[in-house]
Amino acid sequence: MQFKNLKSLREDKDIKQKEIAKYLNVSQNTYSQYETGVISLTAEVLIKLADYYGVSIDYLLDRTNNPKTQK
């Protein structure tokens, strides 16, 4: 399953996969496979990405169109 919001967030901010991969401490290839759904996103990776972009995990997983987190 591809994660369109995850890829869109990165591209909208002009961030390369290599930069996000470094932030997550994974290879660029691994990060690419996260975006395309080849490798499942772990809870740890989801939390880091949600914090990095300031969005909800549901938004990253394309479960909602609302990027805002609920507090």
N, C-alpha and C. Protein backbone atom coordinates (compact mmCIF):
# COMPACT_ATOMS: atom_id res chain seq x y z
N MET A 1 0.85 -1.19 0.00
CA MET A 1 0.00 0.00 0.00
C MET A 1 0.89 1.24 0.00
N GLN A 2 0.71 2.08 -1.00
CA GLN A 2 1.46 3.33 -1.06
C GLN A 2 0.85 4.35 -0.12
N PHE A 3 1.70 5.18 0.46
CA PHE A 3 1.24 6.22 1.37
C PHE A 3 1.40 7.57 0.67
N LYS A 4 0.32 8.01 0.03
CA LYS A 4 0.37 9.24 -0.78
C LYS A 4 0.65 10.47 0.06
N ASN A 5 0.03 10.56 1.24
CA ASN A 5 0.25 11.74 2.08
C ASN A 5 1.69 11.82 2.56
N LEU A 6 2.29 10.70 2.86
CA LEU A 6 3.68 10.67 3.31
C LEU A 6 4.59 11.21 2.22
N LYS A 7 4.39 10.76 1.02
CA LYS A 7 5.20 11.22 -0.11
C LYS A 7 4.91 12.69 -0.41
N SER A 8 3.65 13.08 -0.39
CA SER A 8 3.28 14.46 -0.69
C SER A 8 3.88 15.44 0.32
N LEU A 9 3.85 15.08 1.59
CA LEU A 9 4.44 15.95 2.61
C LEU A 9 5.91 16.19 2.33
N ARG A 10 6.62 15.14 2.02
CA ARG A 10 8.06 15.25 1.74
C ARG A 10 8.30 16.12 0.51
N GLU A 11 7.57 15.84 -0.55
CA GLU A 11 7.77 16.58 -1.79
C GLU A 11 7.35 18.05 -1.66
N ASP A 12 6.27 18.32 -0.93
CA ASP A 12 5.81 19.70 -0.74
C ASP A 12 6.84 20.55 0.00
N LYS A 13 7.62 19.92 0.84
CA LYS A 13 8.65 20.63 1.60
C LYS A 13 10.02 20.54 0.93
N ASP A 14 10.05 20.00 -0.29
CA ASP A 14 11.30 19.86 -1.05
C ASP A 14 12.38 19.13 -0.26
N ILE A 15 11.98 18.06 0.38
CA ILE A 15 12.92 17.25 1.16
C ILE A 15 13.21 15.98 0.37
N LYS A 16 14.45 15.62 0.30
CA LYS A 16 14.86 14.40 -0.40
C LYS A 16 14.66 13.19 0.52
N GLN A 17 14.43 12.05 -0.10
CA GLN A 17 14.28 10.81 0.68
C GLN A 17 15.51 10.58 1.56
N LYS A 18 16.66 10.93 1.03
CA LYS A 18 17.92 10.72 1.76
C LYS A 18 17.93 11.49 3.08
N GLU A 19 17.36 12.71 3.08
CA GLU A 19 17.32 13.52 4.29
C GLU A 19 16.41 12.89 5.36
N ILE A 20 15.24 12.45 4.94
CA ILE A 20 14.32 11.81 5.89
C ILE A 20 14.92 10.49 6.38
N ALA A 21 15.54 9.76 5.50
CA ALA A 21 16.17 8.49 5.88
C ALA A 21 17.23 8.73 6.96
N LYS A 22 18.00 9.78 6.79
CA LYS A 22 19.03 10.11 7.79
C LYS A 22 18.38 10.44 9.13
N TYR A 23 17.30 11.22 9.10
CA TYR A 23 16.56 11.56 10.32
C TYR A 23 16.06 10.30 11.03
N LEU A 24 15.60 9.34 10.24
CA LEU A 24 15.06 8.10 10.80
C LEU A 24 16.14 7.06 11.10
N ASN A 25 17.38 7.36 10.67
CA ASN A 25 18.50 6.45 10.85
C ASN A 25 18.29 5.14 10.09
N VAL A 26 17.83 5.28 8.83
CA VAL A 26 17.66 4.14 7.92
C VAL A 26 18.28 4.53 6.58
N SER A 27 18.43 3.57 5.69
CA SER A 27 18.96 3.87 4.37
C SER A 27 17.89 4.55 3.51
N GLN A 28 18.33 5.22 2.45
CA GLN A 28 17.39 5.86 1.54
C GLN A 28 16.49 4.81 0.90
N ASN A 29 17.05 3.65 0.59
CA ASN A 29 16.26 2.57 0.00
C ASN A 29 15.16 2.10 0.95
N THR A 30 15.49 1.99 2.22
CA THR A 30 14.48 1.58 3.21
C THR A 30 13.37 2.61 3.27
N TYR A 31 13.75 3.89 3.31
CA TYR A 31 12.72 4.92 3.36
C TYR A 31 11.83 4.89 2.12
N SER A 32 12.44 4.70 0.97
CA SER A 32 11.69 4.60 -0.28
C SER A 32 10.67 3.47 -0.18
N GLN A 33 11.08 2.37 0.40
CA GLN A 33 10.17 1.22 0.55
C GLN A 33 9.07 1.50 1.57
N TYR A 34 9.32 2.38 2.54
CA TYR A 34 8.24 2.81 3.44
C TYR A 34 7.18 3.55 2.63
N GLU A 35 7.61 4.50 1.81
CA GLU A 35 6.68 5.31 1.03
C GLU A 35 5.84 4.47 0.07
N THR A 36 6.45 3.45 -0.53
CA THR A 36 5.74 2.64 -1.50
C THR A 36 4.98 1.48 -0.86
N GLY A 37 5.15 1.29 0.43
CA GLY A 37 4.44 0.24 1.14
C GLY A 37 5.06 -1.14 1.03
N VAL A 38 6.27 -1.21 0.49
CA VAL A 38 6.97 -2.50 0.39
C VAL A 38 7.33 -2.99 1.79
N ILE A 39 7.76 -2.05 2.64
CA ILE A 39 8.08 -2.35 4.04
C ILE A 39 7.04 -1.66 4.91
N SER A 40 6.53 -2.37 5.90
CA SER A 40 5.54 -1.79 6.81
C SER A 40 6.20 -0.76 7.73
N LEU A 41 5.48 0.31 7.96
CA LEU A 41 5.95 1.33 8.89
C LEU A 41 5.76 0.84 10.32
N THR A 42 6.79 0.96 11.12
CA THR A 42 6.68 0.58 12.53
C THR A 42 6.06 1.73 13.31
N ALA A 43 5.61 1.45 14.51
CA ALA A 43 5.05 2.49 15.36
C ALA A 43 6.10 3.56 15.64
N GLU A 44 7.33 3.17 15.87
CA GLU A 44 8.41 4.12 16.15
C GLU A 44 8.62 5.07 14.96
N VAL A 45 8.64 4.53 13.76
CA VAL A 45 8.84 5.34 12.56
C VAL A 45 7.64 6.27 12.35
N LEU A 46 6.45 5.77 12.53
CA LEU A 46 5.25 6.59 12.38
C LEU A 46 5.26 7.77 13.35
N ILE A 47 5.63 7.52 14.58
CA ILE A 47 5.67 8.60 15.59
C ILE A 47 6.71 9.64 15.20
N LYS A 48 7.88 9.19 14.78
CA LYS A 48 8.94 10.13 14.37
C LYS A 48 8.50 10.97 13.18
N LEU A 49 7.88 10.34 12.20
CA LEU A 49 7.43 11.07 11.02
C LEU A 49 6.31 12.04 11.36
N ALA A 50 5.37 11.62 12.18
CA ALA A 50 4.27 12.51 12.59
C ALA A 50 4.81 13.72 13.34
N ASP A 51 5.78 13.50 14.22
CA ASP A 51 6.39 14.61 14.95
C ASP A 51 7.18 15.52 14.00
N TYR A 52 7.90 14.94 13.08
CA TYR A 52 8.72 15.70 12.14
C TYR A 52 7.86 16.63 11.29
N TYR A 53 6.77 16.11 10.78
CA TYR A 53 5.90 16.90 9.91
C TYR A 53 4.81 17.66 10.67
N GLY A 54 4.59 17.34 11.93
CA GLY A 54 3.54 18.00 12.71
C GLY A 54 2.15 17.60 12.28
N VAL A 55 1.98 16.33 11.92
CA VAL A 55 0.68 15.83 11.47
C VAL A 55 0.30 14.59 12.27
N SER A 56 -0.93 14.14 12.09
CA SER A 56 -1.38 12.94 12.78
C SER A 56 -0.89 11.68 12.07
N ILE A 57 -0.82 10.62 12.81
CA ILE A 57 -0.44 9.32 12.23
C ILE A 57 -1.52 8.88 11.25
N ASP A 58 -2.77 9.14 11.55
CA ASP A 58 -3.85 8.79 10.61
C ASP A 58 -3.66 9.48 9.27
N TYR A 59 -3.19 10.72 9.29
CA TYR A 59 -2.93 11.44 8.04
C TYR A 59 -1.80 10.76 7.27
N LEU A 60 -0.74 10.37 7.95
CA LEU A 60 0.37 9.68 7.29
C LEU A 60 -0.08 8.38 6.63
N LEU A 61 -1.03 7.72 7.27
CA LEU A 61 -1.52 6.43 6.77
C LEU A 61 -2.70 6.57 5.80
N ASP A 62 -2.99 7.80 5.39
CA ASP A 62 -4.08 8.08 4.45
C ASP A 62 -5.45 7.67 4.99
N ARG A 63 -5.61 7.72 6.30
CA ARG A 63 -6.89 7.37 6.91
C ARG A 63 -7.78 8.60 7.06
N THR A 64 -7.21 9.79 6.86
CA THR A 64 -7.96 11.03 6.94
C THR A 64 -7.30 12.06 6.02
N ASN A 65 -8.07 13.07 5.64
CA ASN A 65 -7.52 14.16 4.84
C ASN A 65 -7.13 15.34 5.72
N ASN A 66 -7.40 15.22 7.02
CA ASN A 66 -7.11 16.27 7.98
C ASN A 66 -5.74 16.00 8.61
N PRO A 67 -4.74 16.82 8.33
CA PRO A 67 -3.41 16.57 8.88
C PRO A 67 -3.26 16.93 10.36
N LYS A 68 -4.23 17.65 10.92
CA LYS A 68 -4.09 18.11 12.30
C LYS A 68 -4.18 16.97 13.30
N THR A 69 -3.36 17.10 14.33
CA THR A 69 -3.40 16.11 15.40
C THR A 69 -4.46 16.51 16.40
N GLN A 70 -5.02 15.54 17.09
CA GLN A 70 -6.01 15.80 18.12
C GLN A 70 -5.30 15.81 19.47
N LYS A 71 -5.62 16.78 20.29
CA LYS A 71 -4.97 16.87 21.60
C LYS A 71 -5.95 16.61 22.69
